[in-house]
Amino acid sequence: MLRPSPAPAPALRSVLAALGSPTAVREPRTPALRAAQGPLRPELPLPVHVLGRPAAGAVGAAVAAGQRPPRTRLAGWRFLVRNGDRAIAAADTMLTPDGWSFSHFFEGPYVTATERALVQAESLAVPYQPRLLSVPELYMLTLWLHTDTEADGASTEPGPDDLLVPLAPAPPGIAANHSYRVADLLPVIGLRLAPPPLLGSAAGA
């Protein structure tokens, strides 16, 4: 079952304003939004966290040594935009010096994959707080199922029992729509983000 963290009220208001007044924002609507008939509703707000190269480079060693998983950075809140009974796009918000504001609309495979993963997670017996975890260097996005359902959505440390569900399309060798324990998937990500060995380093050892 899922227990989402409520999005900041200004973030929701900015998305509602962008949907209600398309000419008031710089970012154009996507083709699906322009073609939609009937009301558009922003739902299922998810905090979007980013796992960057500096934090992830030592992930494998940290997990193997029993240390804490790396912290992440809250990059924004994402709302799925529903038309009728399905999500046809998403709306991202970002934190500015003036507070949370609308960023842009987008559509594509991650919208469908996110909705699918959320439906699957809803059937789990253990309650989770849904989030998104992005790894930009791998062009990878995962549904992050956080076990602390009372946590602020902005909290940035994965828990040892958290799950990560890579969304399709996932990087080669990582199964999409499969639930991984944080301790199992983060070392794999860490290895992929680690810089390659210097040429000749083995010969000089």
C-alpha atoms as a PDB file:
ATOM      1  CA  MET A   1       0.000   0.000   0.000  1.00  0.00           C
ATOM      2  CA  LEU A   2       1.157   3.546  -0.643  1.00  0.00           C
ATOM      3  CA  ARG A   3       1.093   6.521   1.698  1.00  0.00           C
ATOM      4  CA  PRO A   4       2.250   9.519  -0.337  1.00  0.00           C
ATOM      5  CA  SER A   5       3.756  12.554   1.315  1.00  0.00           C
ATOM      6  CA  PRO A   6       1.732  15.710   0.610  1.00  0.00           C
ATOM      7  CA  ALA A   7       3.337  18.076  -1.866  1.00  0.00           C
ATOM      8  CA  PRO A   8       4.054  21.669  -0.883  1.00  0.00           C
ATOM      9  CA  ALA A   9       0.905  23.716  -1.476  1.00  0.00           C
ATOM     10  CA  PRO A  10       2.708  26.294  -3.673  1.00  0.00           C
ATOM     11  CA  ALA A  11       3.935  23.492  -5.948  1.00  0.00           C
ATOM     12  CA  LEU A  12       0.396  22.235  -6.497  1.00  0.00           C
ATOM     13  CA  ARG A  13      -0.920  25.755  -7.043  1.00  0.00           C
ATOM     14  CA  SER A  14       1.731  26.428  -9.670  1.00  0.00           C
ATOM     15  CA  VAL A  15       0.735  23.315 -11.624  1.00  0.00           C
ATOM     16  CA  LEU A  16      -2.958  24.140 -11.391  1.00  0.00           C
ATOM     17  CA  ALA A  17      -2.190  27.642 -12.680  1.00  0.00           C
ATOM     18  CA  ALA A  18      -0.153  26.243 -15.583  1.00  0.00           C
ATOM     19  CA  LEU A  19      -2.976  23.873 -16.525  1.00  0.00           C
ATOM     20  CA  GLY A  20      -5.619  26.551 -16.142  1.00  0.00           C
ATOM     21  CA  SER A  21      -3.799  29.301 -18.017  1.00  0.00           C
ATOM     22  CA  PRO A  22      -1.521  27.817 -20.705  1.00  0.00           C
ATOM     23  CA  THR A  23      -0.522  31.259 -21.965  1.00  0.00           C
ATOM     24  CA  ALA A  24       0.686  32.287 -18.513  1.00  0.00           C
ATOM     25  CA  VAL A  25       3.726  29.967 -18.603  1.00  0.00           C
ATOM     26  CA  ARG A  26       6.638  29.825 -20.976  1.00  0.00           C
ATOM     27  CA  GLU A  27       6.681  26.051 -21.355  1.00  0.00           C
ATOM     28  CA  PRO A  28       4.222  24.863 -24.025  1.00  0.00           C
ATOM     29  CA  ARG A  29       1.803  22.058 -23.439  1.00  0.00           C
ATOM     30  CA  THR A  30       2.697  18.618 -24.784  1.00  0.00           C
ATOM     31  CA  PRO A  31       0.769  17.159 -27.761  1.00  0.00           C
ATOM     32  CA  ALA A  32      -1.240  14.894 -25.449  1.00  0.00           C
ATOM     33  CA  LEU A  33      -2.270  17.831 -23.266  1.00  0.00           C
ATOM     34  CA  ARG A  34      -3.239  19.938 -26.277  1.00  0.00           C
ATOM     35  CA  ALA A  35      -5.368  17.116 -27.682  1.00  0.00           C
ATOM     36  CA  ALA A  36      -7.020  16.182 -24.389  1.00  0.00           C
ATOM     37  CA  GLN A  37     -10.772  16.497 -24.054  1.00  0.00           C
ATOM     38  CA  GLY A  38     -12.239  17.184 -20.646  1.00  0.00           C
ATOM     39  CA  PRO A  39     -10.618  18.269 -17.373  1.00  0.00           C
ATOM     40  CA  LEU A  40      -6.935  17.750 -16.597  1.00  0.00           C
ATOM     41  CA  ARG A  41      -6.103  16.830 -13.002  1.00  0.00           C
ATOM     42  CA  PRO A  42      -2.666  16.854 -11.355  1.00  0.00           C
ATOM     43  CA  GLU A  43      -2.500  13.847  -9.055  1.00  0.00           C
ATOM     44  CA  LEU A  44      -0.063  11.531  -7.270  1.00  0.00           C
ATOM     45  CA  PRO A  45       2.618  14.086  -6.351  1.00  0.00           C
ATOM     46  CA  LEU A  46       6.060  12.508  -6.020  1.00  0.00           C
ATOM     47  CA  PRO A  47       9.225  14.130  -4.679  1.00  0.00           C
ATOM     48  CA  VAL A  48      12.001  13.739  -7.252  1.00  0.00           C
ATOM     49  CA  HIS A  49      15.418  13.053  -5.732  1.00  0.00           C
ATOM     50  CA  VAL A  50      18.709  12.949  -7.634  1.00  0.00           C
ATOM     51  CA  LEU A  51      21.606  10.618  -6.899  1.00  0.00           C
ATOM     52  CA  GLY A  52      24.647  12.402  -8.275  1.00  0.00           C
ATOM     53  CA  ARG A  53      28.070  11.155  -9.246  1.00  0.00           C
ATOM     54  CA  PRO A  54      29.876  12.528  -6.160  1.00  0.00           C
ATOM     55  CA  ALA A  55      27.513  10.695  -3.797  1.00  0.00           C
ATOM     56  CA  ALA A  56      27.158   7.548  -5.871  1.00  0.00           C
ATOM     57  CA  GLY A  57      30.804   6.931  -6.713  1.00  0.00           C
ATOM     58  CA  ALA A  58      31.451   5.393  -3.307  1.00  0.00           C
ATOM     59  CA  VAL A  59      28.094   3.638  -3.020  1.00  0.00           C
ATOM     60  CA  GLY A  60      29.462   0.123  -3.494  1.00  0.00           C
ATOM     61  CA  ALA A  61      32.167   0.466  -0.868  1.00  0.00           C
ATOM     62  CA  ALA A  62      29.858   2.174   1.610  1.00  0.00           C
ATOM     63  CA  VAL A  63      27.159  -0.485   1.394  1.00  0.00           C
ATOM     64  CA  ALA A  64      29.705  -3.316   1.506  1.00  0.00           C
ATOM     65  CA  ALA A  65      31.227  -1.798   4.644  1.00  0.00           C
ATOM     66  CA  GLY A  66      27.838  -1.520   6.301  1.00  0.00           C
ATOM     67  CA  GLN A  67      27.868   2.259   6.212  1.00  0.00           C
ATOM     68  CA  ARG A  68      24.880   4.486   5.607  1.00  0.00           C
ATOM     69  CA  PRO A  69      23.571   4.729   2.030  1.00  0.00           C
ATOM     70  CA  PRO A  70      24.327   8.044   0.329  1.00  0.00           C
ATOM     71  CA  ARG A  71      22.044  10.982   0.734  1.00  0.00           C
ATOM     72  CA  THR A  72      20.173  12.303  -2.247  1.00  0.00           C
ATOM     73  CA  ARG A  73      19.192  15.791  -3.360  1.00  0.00           C
ATOM     74  CA  LEU A  74      15.562  16.874  -3.651  1.00  0.00           C
ATOM     75  CA  ALA A  75      15.237  18.341  -7.140  1.00  0.00           C
ATOM     76  CA  GLY A  76      11.507  18.955  -7.378  1.00  0.00           C
ATOM     77  CA  TRP A  77       7.991  17.565  -7.181  1.00  0.00           C
ATOM     78  CA  ARG A  78       6.341  15.746 -10.066  1.00  0.00           C
ATOM     79  CA  PHE A  79       2.595  15.451 -10.617  1.00  0.00           C
ATOM     80  CA  LEU A  80       0.983  12.962 -12.989  1.00  0.00           C
ATOM     81  CA  VAL A  81      -1.580  14.786 -15.107  1.00  0.00           C
ATOM     82  CA  ARG A  82      -4.662  12.653 -15.592  1.00  0.00           C
ATOM     83  CA  ASN A  83      -7.282  12.941 -18.269  1.00  0.00           C
ATOM     84  CA  GLY A  84     -10.145  10.581 -17.612  1.00  0.00           C
ATOM     85  CA  ASP A  85      -8.807   7.333 -16.157  1.00  0.00           C
ATOM     86  CA  ARG A  86      -5.155   7.565 -17.199  1.00  0.00           C
ATOM     87  CA  ALA A  87      -2.094   9.753 -16.911  1.00  0.00           C
ATOM     88  CA  ILE A  88      -1.236  11.409 -20.214  1.00  0.00           C
ATOM     89  CA  ALA A  89       1.621  13.678 -19.081  1.00  0.00           C
ATOM     90  CA  ALA A  90       3.516  14.911 -16.054  1.00  0.00           C
ATOM     91  CA  ALA A  91       4.212  18.332 -14.610  1.00  0.00           C
ATOM     92  CA  ASP A  92       7.449  19.135 -12.835  1.00  0.00           C
ATOM     93  CA  THR A  93       7.987  21.889 -10.289  1.00  0.00           C
ATOM     94  CA  MET A  94      11.234  23.327  -8.988  1.00  0.00           C
ATOM     95  CA  LEU A  95      12.395  25.277  -5.981  1.00  0.00           C
ATOM     96  CA  THR A  96      13.312  28.889  -6.766  1.00  0.00           C
ATOM     97  CA  PRO A  97      14.379  31.791  -4.538  1.00  0.00           C
ATOM     98  CA  ASP A  98      10.680  32.707  -4.406  1.00  0.00           C
ATOM     99  CA  GLY A  99       9.531  29.199  -3.469  1.00  0.00           C
ATOM    100  CA  TRP A 100       8.098  26.301  -5.438  1.00  0.00           C
ATOM    101  CA  SER A 101       7.099  27.126  -9.005  1.00  0.00           C
ATOM    102  CA  PHE A 102       6.040  25.329 -12.176  1.00  0.00           C
ATOM    103  CA  SER A 103       8.910  24.071 -14.361  1.00  0.00           C
ATOM    104  CA  HIS A 104       7.609  22.163 -17.398  1.00  0.00           C
ATOM    105  CA  PHE A 105       5.245  19.549 -18.805  1.00  0.00           C
ATOM    106  CA  PHE A 106       6.466  16.362 -20.448  1.00  0.00           C
ATOM    107  CA  GLU A 107       5.183  13.041 -21.720  1.00  0.00           C
ATOM    108  CA  GLY A 108       6.769   9.783 -22.817  1.00  0.00           C
ATOM    109  CA  PRO A 109       7.495   6.277 -21.520  1.00  0.00           C
ATOM    110  CA  TYR A 110       8.351   7.325 -17.969  1.00  0.00           C
ATOM    111  CA  VAL A 111       4.832   8.672 -17.442  1.00  0.00           C
ATOM    112  CA  THR A 112       3.263   5.302 -18.269  1.00  0.00           C
ATOM    113  CA  ALA A 113       5.999   3.416 -16.409  1.00  0.00           C
ATOM    114  CA  THR A 114       5.523   5.523 -13.284  1.00  0.00           C
ATOM    115  CA  GLU A 115       1.781   4.943 -13.260  1.00  0.00           C
ATOM    116  CA  ARG A 116       2.295   1.199 -13.772  1.00  0.00           C
ATOM    117  CA  ALA A 117       4.848   0.953 -10.962  1.00  0.00           C
ATOM    118  CA  LEU A 118       2.583   2.866  -8.586  1.00  0.00           C
ATOM    119  CA  VAL A 119      -0.310   0.499  -9.307  1.00  0.00           C
ATOM    120  CA  GLN A 120       1.924  -2.506  -8.623  1.00  0.00           C
ATOM    121  CA  ALA A 121       3.272  -0.977  -5.415  1.00  0.00           C
ATOM    122  CA  GLU A 122      -0.241  -0.266  -4.170  1.00  0.00           C
ATOM    123  CA  SER A 123      -0.820  -4.029  -3.915  1.00  0.00           C
ATOM    124  CA  LEU A 124       2.147  -4.600  -1.579  1.00  0.00           C
ATOM    125  CA  ALA A 125       1.303  -5.615   1.966  1.00  0.00           C
ATOM    126  CA  VAL A 126       3.929  -3.321   3.501  1.00  0.00           C
ATOM    127  CA  PRO A 127       3.137   0.421   3.483  1.00  0.00           C
ATOM    128  CA  TYR A 128       5.599   2.622   1.596  1.00  0.00           C
ATOM    129  CA  GLN A 129       6.016   6.294   0.848  1.00  0.00           C
ATOM    130  CA  PRO A 130       6.457   6.650  -2.937  1.00  0.00           C
ATOM    131  CA  ARG A 131       9.206   8.847  -4.351  1.00  0.00           C
ATOM    132  CA  LEU A 132      11.273   9.044  -7.519  1.00  0.00           C
ATOM    133  CA  LEU A 133      15.048   8.625  -7.597  1.00  0.00           C
ATOM    134  CA  SER A 134      16.872   9.819 -10.698  1.00  0.00           C
ATOM    135  CA  VAL A 135      20.395   8.879 -11.800  1.00  0.00           C
ATOM    136  CA  PRO A 136      21.041  11.349 -14.630  1.00  0.00           C
ATOM    137  CA  GLU A 137      24.409   9.883 -15.669  1.00  0.00           C
ATOM    138  CA  LEU A 138      22.738   6.537 -16.424  1.00  0.00           C
ATOM    139  CA  TYR A 139      19.546   8.046 -17.871  1.00  0.00           C
ATOM    140  CA  MET A 140      17.805   6.070 -15.146  1.00  0.00           C
ATOM    141  CA  LEU A 141      14.667   6.726 -13.134  1.00  0.00           C
ATOM    142  CA  THR A 142      13.367   4.529 -10.329  1.00  0.00           C
ATOM    143  CA  LEU A 143      10.308   4.456  -8.126  1.00  0.00           C
ATOM    144  CA  TRP A 144      11.741   4.745  -4.613  1.00  0.00           C
ATOM    145  CA  LEU A 145       9.575   3.026  -2.010  1.00  0.00           C
ATOM    146  CA  HIS A 146      10.547   4.491   1.361  1.00  0.00           C
ATOM    147  CA  THR A 147       9.609   2.541   4.480  1.00  0.00           C
ATOM    148  CA  ASP A 148       9.285   5.595   6.729  1.00  0.00           C
ATOM    149  CA  THR A 149       5.806   6.641   5.679  1.00  0.00           C
ATOM    150  CA  GLU A 150       5.766   9.523   8.177  1.00  0.00           C
ATOM    151  CA  ALA A 151       8.938  11.099   6.791  1.00  0.00           C
ATOM    152  CA  ASP A 152       8.990  14.436   5.077  1.00  0.00           C
ATOM    153  CA  GLY A 153       9.158  13.882   1.322  1.00  0.00           C
ATOM    154  CA  ALA A 154      12.245  16.090   1.303  1.00  0.00           C
ATOM    155  CA  SER A 155      14.250  13.775   3.574  1.00  0.00           C
ATOM    156  CA  THR A 156      17.188  12.503   1.602  1.00  0.00           C
ATOM    157  CA  GLU A 157      18.563   9.287   3.080  1.00  0.00           C
ATOM    158  CA  PRO A 158      17.439   5.882   1.743  1.00  0.00           C
ATOM    159  CA  GLY A 159      16.530   3.377   4.437  1.00  0.00           C
ATOM    160  CA  PRO A 160      18.029  -0.129   4.564  1.00  0.00           C
ATOM    161  CA  ASP A 161      14.660  -1.739   3.832  1.00  0.00           C
ATOM    162  CA  ASP A 162      13.652   0.662   1.070  1.00  0.00           C
ATOM    163  CA  LEU A 163      12.928  -0.687  -2.396  1.00  0.00           C
ATOM    164  CA  LEU A 164      13.911   0.709  -5.796  1.00  0.00           C
ATOM    165  CA  VAL A 165      11.895  -0.163  -8.900  1.00  0.00           C
ATOM    166  CA  PRO A 166      13.678   0.850 -12.137  1.00  0.00           C
ATOM    167  CA  LEU A 167      11.243   2.318 -14.627  1.00  0.00           C
ATOM    168  CA  ALA A 168      11.270   1.348 -18.293  1.00  0.00           C
ATOM    169  CA  PRO A 169      13.401   2.011 -20.212  1.00  0.00           C
ATOM    170  CA  ALA A 170      16.065   0.913 -17.723  1.00  0.00           C
ATOM    171  CA  PRO A 171      19.817   0.728 -18.414  1.00  0.00           C
ATOM    172  CA  PRO A 172      21.070  -2.546 -19.949  1.00  0.00           C
ATOM    173  CA  GLY A 173      21.544  -5.259 -17.362  1.00  0.00           C
ATOM    174  CA  ILE A 174      19.077  -3.741 -14.887  1.00  0.00           C
ATOM    175  CA  ALA A 175      15.578  -5.219 -15.001  1.00  0.00           C
ATOM    176  CA  ALA A 176      12.763  -2.712 -15.355  1.00  0.00           C
ATOM    177  CA  ASN A 177       9.697  -3.107 -13.131  1.00  0.00           C
ATOM    178  CA  HIS A 178      11.661  -5.332 -10.718  1.00  0.00           C
ATOM    179  CA  SER A 179      11.851  -4.466  -7.029  1.00  0.00           C
ATOM    180  CA  TYR A 180      15.415  -4.249  -5.732  1.00  0.00           C
ATOM    181  CA  ARG A 181      16.522  -3.682  -2.165  1.00  0.00           C
ATOM    182  CA  VAL A 182      18.535  -0.505  -1.800  1.00  0.00           C
ATOM    183  CA  ALA A 183      21.525  -2.536  -0.602  1.00  0.00           C
ATOM    184  CA  ASP A 184      21.392  -4.632  -3.766  1.00  0.00           C
ATOM    185  CA  LEU A 185      20.889  -1.991  -6.446  1.00  0.00           C
ATOM    186  CA  LEU A 186      22.926   0.959  -5.163  1.00  0.00           C
ATOM    187  CA  PRO A 187      26.255  -0.923  -5.388  1.00  0.00           C
ATOM    188  CA  VAL A 188      25.473  -1.767  -9.026  1.00  0.00           C
ATOM    189  CA  ILE A 189      24.741   1.883  -9.720  1.00  0.00           C
ATOM    190  CA  GLY A 190      27.900   2.886  -7.874  1.00  0.00           C
ATOM    191  CA  LEU A 191      30.057   0.618 -10.014  1.00  0.00           C
ATOM    192  CA  ARG A 192      28.589   2.046 -13.190  1.00  0.00           C
ATOM    193  CA  LEU A 193      29.201   5.576 -12.026  1.00  0.00           C
ATOM    194  CA  ALA A 194      32.762   4.912 -10.860  1.00  0.00           C
ATOM    195  CA  PRO A 195      35.428   6.423 -13.125  1.00  0.00           C
ATOM    196  CA  PRO A 196      37.254   3.872 -15.332  1.00  0.00           C
ATOM    197  CA  PRO A 197      40.767   2.803 -14.234  1.00  0.00           C
ATOM    198  CA  LEU A 198      43.643   4.733 -15.724  1.00  0.00           C
ATOM    199  CA  LEU A 199      45.319   3.068 -18.679  1.00  0.00           C
ATOM    200  CA  GLY A 200      48.480   1.294 -17.618  1.00  0.00           C
ATOM    201  CA  SER A 201      47.554   1.283 -13.935  1.00  0.00           C
ATOM    202  CA  ALA A 202      47.518  -2.519 -13.797  1.00  0.00           C
ATOM    203  CA  ALA A 203      50.903  -2.783 -15.503  1.00  0.00           C
ATOM    204  CA  GLY A 204      52.415  -0.321 -13.073  1.00  0.00           C
ATOM    205  CA  ALA A 205      51.088  -2.088 -10.003  1.00  0.00           C
END
